[in-house]
Amino acid sequence: MTRRMAVAALAGVPAAFGANYRVEKLWKSPDGNPNALEATPEGLWVGEQVTDRAYLLDWKTGKVLHKVDTESSNTSGIAYGGGFIWMGANGKATFRKPKPTDAKSGEVIKVDPKTGHTVARYPNPDGGGLHGLLYDKGTIWMTCFKWQVLAQVDANTFEIKRKVPVALGRAHGLALDGDAIWCVFSNDFVIQKIALADGKVVDEIKLNKETDPDPHGMDMYKGEMYYCDAGIAPGPKFTELPSSGYISKIIRL
C-alpha cells in the first residue's frame, strides 16, 4: 500500500525531497512493534518496543541478519556506532512482565552487539523520557523532552556538547543530513529538518494523519528516508492499524 504525501518547505528554501511522495510499506518488523531505526551499510537496525530486542535486517529483503536481546525497556530509540548498539530505554517496560534491569526513566543502554551484554547505562541528562538516538563520530544525539531540545553528548562520558532547541513536542526518530538533523514529531505527523547551528527549521515533511503510517523511529540511507510504525500510541495502547508494525520508505516522485 502506498500513500501520497505533501511536503511544505519554508519560503526561499529548496525542499530536499521535492514536492510529491509516496510512502511504500516494505516489511513488518520481526516482533511487530518497531519503534526505532538506525541505518548502516550492513543493514537496517530495528529496536523493538515490547521485546526490547535489536534486529539487523537486510536492506533488500528485510530478512533478519542478526538478533540481540538487550536490557532496554520500552525501547524508543536505537543507534549503532563505535562498535556498540545504543538503545533508548524510555522508562518501564510496556506489554511485558517487568525485569529488575528495566529503566525507571529515560536511559541510554550501551550494548555489546555480539552478546547483548550491557556495557554501560547513561540517564537522560534532563531526567525525562527518551525517544530518538543517533550516533555521530564519537557523539550521540538524543531527544530531551523536559528541555525541549536535541542534545549532543560525548559517547564515552555523556558530557553535553551542544543543545539544539525544537519547537514541537514528542520528538522521536533522528537522521543526520549534513549540517542539519531530520526529526520526527510523532504527535504532529511532521518530520522537520533542523539546522544544527541555530535550531531553525529549514525543511518540513507533513504526513497525512488519515492515510500514512504513524511516524516513530526514522533514519536516512543513501538519500532515502525510512520510518516505522510501532503500533503503539501514548497510554500506552495498541493502535491495530493496517500499518502497525511496518517499516516504510518515503519515495520521491
Protein backbone atom coordinates (compact mmCIF):
# COMPACT_ATOMS: atom_id res chain seq x y z
CA MET A 1 0.00 0.00 0.00
CA THR A 2 1.30 3.47 -0.85
CA ARG A 3 0.23 6.93 0.15
CA ARG A 4 0.93 10.33 -1.39
CA MET A 5 2.43 12.99 0.86
CA ALA A 6 2.58 16.76 0.65
CA VAL A 7 5.84 18.47 1.58
CA ALA A 8 5.95 22.06 2.73
CA ALA A 9 9.30 23.87 2.67
CA LEU A 10 9.88 27.32 4.10
CA ALA A 11 9.80 30.18 1.59
CA GLY A 12 13.06 30.55 -0.28
CA VAL A 13 14.45 27.23 0.94
CA PRO A 14 14.59 24.42 -1.64
CA ALA A 15 12.92 21.23 -0.45
CA ALA A 16 15.37 18.37 -0.02
CA PHE A 17 12.88 15.83 -1.32
CA GLY A 18 10.77 17.73 -3.86
CA ALA A 19 7.02 18.31 -3.97
CA ASN A 20 5.42 14.86 -4.02
CA TYR A 21 5.98 11.47 -2.45
CA ARG A 22 4.51 8.13 -1.91
CA VAL A 23 5.02 6.01 1.19
CA GLU A 24 5.83 2.38 0.43
CA LYS A 25 5.37 -0.26 3.10
CA LEU A 26 8.38 -2.57 2.99
CA TRP A 27 8.19 -5.28 5.66
CA LYS A 28 6.75 -5.91 9.07
CA SER A 29 9.40 -5.98 11.78
CA PRO A 30 10.32 -9.36 13.31
CA ASP A 31 8.43 -8.80 16.58
CA GLY A 32 5.82 -6.40 15.26
CA ASN A 33 6.46 -3.27 17.34
CA PRO A 34 9.35 -1.36 15.72
CA ASN A 35 9.92 1.94 17.48
CA ALA A 36 13.47 2.81 16.43
CA LEU A 37 15.62 2.65 13.28
CA GLU A 38 19.33 3.05 12.58
CA ALA A 39 20.68 2.84 9.04
CA THR A 40 24.09 1.24 8.41
CA PRO A 41 25.76 -0.18 5.28
CA GLU A 42 25.47 -3.66 6.81
CA GLY A 43 21.71 -3.37 7.16
CA LEU A 44 18.87 -1.61 8.94
CA TRP A 45 18.91 -1.86 12.74
CA VAL A 46 15.46 -2.03 14.34
CA GLY A 47 14.64 -1.54 18.01
CA GLU A 48 11.52 -3.39 19.17
CA GLN A 49 9.41 -1.59 21.80
CA VAL A 50 7.88 -4.63 23.55
CA THR A 51 10.56 -7.33 23.37
CA ASP A 52 13.39 -4.76 23.57
CA ARG A 53 15.41 -6.70 21.02
CA ALA A 54 17.67 -5.19 18.39
CA TYR A 55 17.50 -6.71 14.91
CA LEU A 56 19.73 -6.14 11.90
CA LEU A 57 17.67 -6.53 8.71
CA ASP A 58 18.78 -6.99 5.12
CA TRP A 59 18.16 -3.84 3.07
CA LYS A 60 16.65 -5.69 0.10
CA THR A 61 14.50 -8.35 1.74
CA GLY A 62 14.00 -7.39 5.40
CA LYS A 63 15.46 -10.79 6.35
CA VAL A 64 16.95 -10.99 9.86
CA LEU A 65 20.73 -10.96 9.68
CA HIS A 66 21.37 -10.69 13.41
CA LYS A 67 19.36 -10.58 16.64
CA VAL A 68 20.38 -9.17 20.03
CA ASP A 69 18.42 -9.46 23.28
CA THR A 70 19.07 -6.35 25.39
CA GLU A 71 18.31 -4.97 28.86
CA SER A 72 16.49 -1.99 27.39
CA SER A 73 12.86 -1.32 28.30
CA ASN A 74 10.06 0.41 26.38
CA THR A 75 12.63 0.82 23.61
CA SER A 76 12.05 4.02 21.69
CA GLY A 77 15.45 4.73 20.13
CA ILE A 78 18.42 2.89 18.68
CA ALA A 79 21.84 3.87 17.36
CA TYR A 80 24.86 1.91 16.17
CA GLY A 81 28.43 3.17 16.27
CA GLY A 82 31.79 2.86 17.95
CA GLY A 83 31.36 -0.91 17.97
CA PHE A 84 28.22 -0.84 20.11
CA ILE A 85 24.43 -0.77 19.91
CA TRP A 86 22.87 2.11 21.83
CA MET A 87 19.29 1.50 22.98
CA GLY A 88 16.93 4.28 24.07
CA ALA A 89 15.05 2.94 27.10
CA ASN A 90 12.02 5.17 27.57
CA GLY A 91 11.24 4.11 31.14
CA LYS A 92 9.48 0.98 32.38
CA ALA A 93 8.51 -1.85 30.06
CA THR A 94 5.25 -1.94 28.10
CA PHE A 95 3.14 -5.04 27.46
CA ARG A 96 5.59 -7.48 29.07
CA LYS A 97 6.49 -8.54 32.60
CA PRO A 98 8.86 -6.11 34.34
CA LYS A 99 12.51 -7.01 34.90
CA PRO A 100 14.93 -5.74 37.58
CA THR A 101 17.01 -4.15 34.81
CA ASP A 102 14.15 -2.04 33.44
CA ALA A 103 14.80 1.71 33.38
CA LYS A 104 12.91 3.90 35.83
CA SER A 105 13.10 6.88 33.48
CA GLY A 106 14.89 7.65 30.21
CA GLU A 107 18.24 5.89 29.82
CA VAL A 108 20.68 5.02 27.05
CA ILE A 109 21.84 1.39 27.26
CA LYS A 110 25.25 0.67 25.70
CA VAL A 111 25.16 -2.91 24.39
CA ASP A 112 27.72 -5.39 23.08
CA PRO A 113 26.27 -6.30 19.65
CA LYS A 114 27.61 -9.87 19.79
CA THR A 115 26.48 -10.93 23.26
CA GLY A 116 23.78 -8.43 24.25
CA HIS A 117 25.76 -7.67 27.42
CA THR A 118 25.10 -4.23 28.91
CA VAL A 119 28.39 -2.34 28.88
CA ALA A 120 27.08 0.86 30.48
CA ARG A 121 23.89 2.78 31.29
CA TYR A 122 23.50 6.54 30.99
CA PRO A 123 20.50 8.53 32.27
CA ASN A 124 18.90 11.08 30.00
CA PRO A 125 20.60 14.36 31.01
CA ASP A 126 17.27 16.13 31.62
CA GLY A 127 15.85 13.26 33.69
CA GLY A 128 12.89 12.73 31.37
CA GLY A 129 11.80 10.30 28.71
CA LEU A 130 13.84 9.32 25.69
CA HIS A 131 12.98 8.55 22.10
CA GLY A 132 15.33 9.22 19.20
CA LEU A 133 19.05 8.36 19.19
CA LEU A 134 21.71 8.99 16.56
CA TYR A 135 25.42 8.09 16.60
CA ASP A 136 27.70 10.68 15.01
CA LYS A 137 31.52 10.38 15.07
CA GLY A 138 32.03 9.60 18.75
CA THR A 139 28.97 11.51 19.89
CA ILE A 140 25.31 10.69 20.34
CA TRP A 141 22.36 12.91 19.51
CA MET A 142 19.32 12.30 21.69
CA THR A 143 15.91 13.78 22.35
CA CYS A 144 15.39 15.54 25.69
CA PHE A 145 11.70 16.15 26.36
CA LYS A 146 11.96 18.26 29.52
CA TRP A 147 14.49 20.62 27.99
CA GLN A 148 12.67 20.59 24.62
CA VAL A 149 15.98 20.12 22.80
CA LEU A 150 18.07 17.73 20.80
CA ALA A 151 21.21 17.17 22.88
CA GLN A 152 24.58 16.05 21.55
CA VAL A 153 26.65 14.16 24.12
CA ASP A 154 30.09 12.57 24.18
CA ALA A 155 29.62 8.82 23.62
CA ASN A 156 32.18 7.93 26.30
CA THR A 157 31.38 10.40 29.08
CA PHE A 158 27.88 11.58 28.12
CA GLU A 159 29.07 15.13 28.75
CA ILE A 160 26.79 17.54 26.91
CA LYS A 161 28.45 19.18 23.92
CA ARG A 162 25.53 21.02 22.34
CA LYS A 163 21.80 21.65 22.65
CA VAL A 164 19.55 22.45 19.70
CA PRO A 165 16.04 23.71 20.53
CA VAL A 166 12.92 22.20 18.96
CA ALA A 167 9.51 23.82 18.72
CA LEU A 168 7.26 20.75 18.76
CA GLY A 169 6.69 18.02 21.34
CA ARG A 170 7.27 14.25 21.38
CA ALA A 171 10.43 14.35 19.29
CA HIS A 172 11.25 10.89 18.00
CA GLY A 173 13.43 9.43 15.22
CA LEU A 174 16.55 11.32 14.10
CA ALA A 175 18.58 11.36 10.87
CA LEU A 176 21.71 13.38 10.21
CA ASP A 177 21.74 15.33 6.92
CA GLY A 178 24.86 17.45 6.54
CA ASP A 179 24.70 20.37 8.94
CA ALA A 180 21.11 19.57 9.92
CA ILE A 181 19.07 16.83 11.58
CA TRP A 182 15.72 15.49 10.45
CA CYS A 183 13.49 14.90 13.47
CA VAL A 184 10.12 13.14 13.67
CA PHE A 185 7.44 14.77 15.81
CA SER A 186 5.02 11.91 16.29
CA ASN A 187 2.03 13.79 17.69
CA ASP A 188 2.03 16.28 14.81
CA PHE A 189 2.79 13.81 11.99
CA VAL A 190 5.62 16.13 10.95
CA ILE A 191 9.27 15.48 10.08
CA GLN A 192 11.36 18.65 10.31
CA LYS A 193 14.86 19.35 9.06
CA ILE A 194 16.51 21.41 11.80
CA ALA A 195 19.72 23.41 11.34
CA LEU A 196 22.27 22.44 13.98
CA ALA A 197 23.68 25.96 14.13
CA ASP A 198 20.56 27.68 15.42
CA GLY A 199 17.62 25.27 15.52
CA LYS A 200 15.93 26.89 12.52
CA VAL A 201 13.53 24.67 10.59
CA VAL A 202 14.80 24.63 7.01
CA ASP A 203 12.50 21.98 5.55
CA GLU A 204 9.40 20.07 6.62
CA ILE A 205 7.53 16.94 5.60
CA LYS A 206 3.86 16.89 6.56
CA LEU A 207 2.42 13.40 6.79
CA ASN A 208 -1.25 12.65 6.35
CA LYS A 209 -2.78 11.53 9.66
CA GLU A 210 -5.63 9.80 7.89
CA THR A 211 -3.67 7.71 5.42
CA ASP A 212 0.04 7.49 6.31
CA PRO A 213 1.62 5.13 8.85
CA ASP A 214 2.17 6.57 12.33
CA PRO A 215 5.72 8.00 12.49
CA HIS A 216 8.03 6.73 15.23
CA GLY A 217 11.62 5.69 14.53
CA MET A 218 13.28 7.12 11.40
CA ASP A 219 16.62 7.29 9.61
CA MET A 220 18.06 8.00 6.16
CA TYR A 221 20.20 5.82 3.91
CA LYS A 222 21.63 6.81 0.54
CA GLY A 223 19.39 9.85 0.43
CA GLU A 224 16.17 7.96 1.14
CA MET A 225 14.11 8.19 4.32
CA TYR A 226 12.79 5.19 6.22
CA TYR A 227 10.40 5.20 9.14
CA CYS A 228 8.43 2.74 11.25
CA ASP A 229 5.03 2.44 12.90
CA ALA A 230 5.33 0.82 16.34
CA GLY A 231 1.63 0.09 16.50
CA ILE A 232 1.58 1.63 19.98
CA ALA A 233 0.19 5.03 20.97
CA PRO A 234 0.69 7.00 24.21
CA GLY A 235 -1.20 5.45 27.07
CA PRO A 236 0.17 3.00 26.13
CA LYS A 237 -2.27 1.22 23.86
CA PHE A 238 -2.10 -0.84 20.68
CA THR A 239 -3.37 1.05 17.63
CA GLU A 240 -4.13 -2.02 15.50
CA LEU A 241 -3.88 -0.05 12.25
CA PRO A 242 -3.07 -1.69 8.88
CA SER A 243 0.38 -0.06 9.07
CA SER A 244 1.11 -1.21 12.64
CA GLY A 245 4.46 -2.96 12.86
CA TYR A 246 5.62 -1.98 9.38
CA ILE A 247 8.78 -0.29 8.19
CA SER A 248 8.18 2.03 5.26
CA LYS A 249 10.19 4.11 2.81
CA ILE A 250 9.42 7.61 1.57
CA ILE A 251 9.91 7.65 -2.20
CA ARG A 252 10.42 10.73 -4.34
CA LEU A 253 8.06 11.09 -7.29
